[in-house]
Amino acid sequence: MARCLTDFEYSCYLSEIVVLSAYRGRGMGKLILQSIENYLGCRVAINLRADPSAIGFYSKVGYEPVDNMFRIHREG
C-alpha cells in the first residue's frame, strides 16, 4: 500500500509505503513505486521523507537525497 498526495501536475508527496512482512524482500515496494511513477507520468516529481531504515531501499531504486526539505515538528 502507498499513501500519496498529488496535484497530478507538478508534485506528489509519498508519505509511506507499507508491505506486509510476509511479502518483504520480493520486490513489492519497487513494484508499488513503479506503479505510482507510471500512473503519474514523467512530469510529476515524487517527493518523500524516508525513514532512516528505508534510505538504502530508496537509493537502490534510484531516488536521490535532497537537502531542501523543511518541517515543523509537532507533538501528537
Protein backbone atom coordinates (compact mmCIF):
# COMPACT_ATOMS: atom_id res chain seq x y z
CA MET A 1 0.00 0.00 0.00
CA ALA A 2 1.15 3.53 -0.69
CA ARG A 3 -0.27 6.80 0.54
CA CYS A 4 0.30 9.84 -1.69
CA LEU A 5 -0.91 13.39 -2.08
CA THR A 6 -0.55 14.92 -5.53
CA ASP A 7 -1.76 17.74 -7.76
CA PHE A 8 -1.21 15.45 -10.81
CA GLU A 9 0.70 18.28 -12.49
CA TYR A 10 3.87 19.18 -10.61
CA SER A 11 4.39 17.30 -7.36
CA CYS A 12 3.48 14.13 -5.48
CA TYR A 13 4.27 13.67 -1.80
CA LEU A 14 4.64 10.00 -0.99
CA SER A 15 4.02 9.74 2.75
CA GLU A 16 4.51 6.00 3.14
CA ILE A 17 4.77 2.60 1.55
CA VAL A 18 3.67 -0.43 3.55
CA VAL A 19 4.44 -4.02 2.58
CA LEU A 20 3.28 -6.89 4.76
CA SER A 21 6.23 -8.60 6.41
CA ALA A 22 5.41 -11.89 4.68
CA TYR A 23 5.96 -10.18 1.29
CA ARG A 24 9.07 -8.11 2.06
CA GLY A 25 12.15 -8.86 0.01
CA ARG A 26 10.12 -9.90 -3.04
CA GLY A 27 10.21 -6.59 -4.91
CA MET A 28 6.76 -5.40 -3.81
CA GLY A 29 7.99 -1.96 -2.71
CA LYS A 30 9.73 -1.46 -6.04
CA LEU A 31 6.59 -2.57 -7.87
CA ILE A 32 4.48 -0.10 -5.89
CA LEU A 33 6.88 2.74 -6.74
CA GLN A 34 6.90 1.79 -10.42
CA SER A 35 3.10 1.77 -10.45
CA ILE A 36 3.00 5.26 -8.92
CA GLU A 37 5.62 6.56 -11.37
CA ASN A 38 3.77 5.08 -14.35
CA TYR A 39 0.43 6.45 -13.18
CA LEU A 40 1.77 9.98 -12.64
CA GLY A 41 3.91 10.13 -15.77
CA CYS A 42 7.28 11.81 -16.15
CA ARG A 43 6.18 15.42 -15.39
CA VAL A 44 5.25 14.93 -11.74
CA ALA A 45 8.13 14.92 -9.23
CA ILE A 46 7.82 12.40 -6.39
CA ASN A 47 9.00 13.68 -3.01
CA LEU A 48 9.26 11.76 0.24
CA ARG A 49 10.86 11.75 3.65
CA ALA A 50 12.42 8.34 4.17
CA ASP A 51 12.60 6.58 7.48
CA PRO A 52 16.30 6.01 8.25
CA SER A 53 15.79 2.25 7.84
CA ALA A 54 14.45 2.78 4.29
CA ILE A 55 17.14 5.12 2.94
CA GLY A 56 19.07 2.23 1.36
CA PHE A 57 15.92 0.98 -0.39
CA TYR A 58 15.10 4.35 -1.94
CA SER A 59 18.72 4.89 -3.02
CA LYS A 60 18.79 1.43 -4.58
CA VAL A 61 15.70 2.13 -6.71
CA GLY A 62 17.02 5.47 -7.99
CA TYR A 63 15.71 8.12 -5.59
CA GLU A 64 18.20 10.88 -4.78
CA PRO A 65 18.57 12.65 -1.42
CA VAL A 66 17.84 16.39 -1.34
CA ASP A 67 18.73 18.97 1.29
CA ASN A 68 15.94 21.48 0.76
CA MET A 69 13.07 19.87 2.65
CA PHE A 70 11.64 21.52 5.77
CA ARG A 71 9.28 20.54 8.55
CA ILE A 72 7.71 21.83 11.72
CA HIS A 73 7.87 19.14 14.40
CA ARG A 74 4.53 18.68 16.17
CA GLU A 75 3.75 16.64 19.25
CA GLY A 76 0.90 14.13 18.82
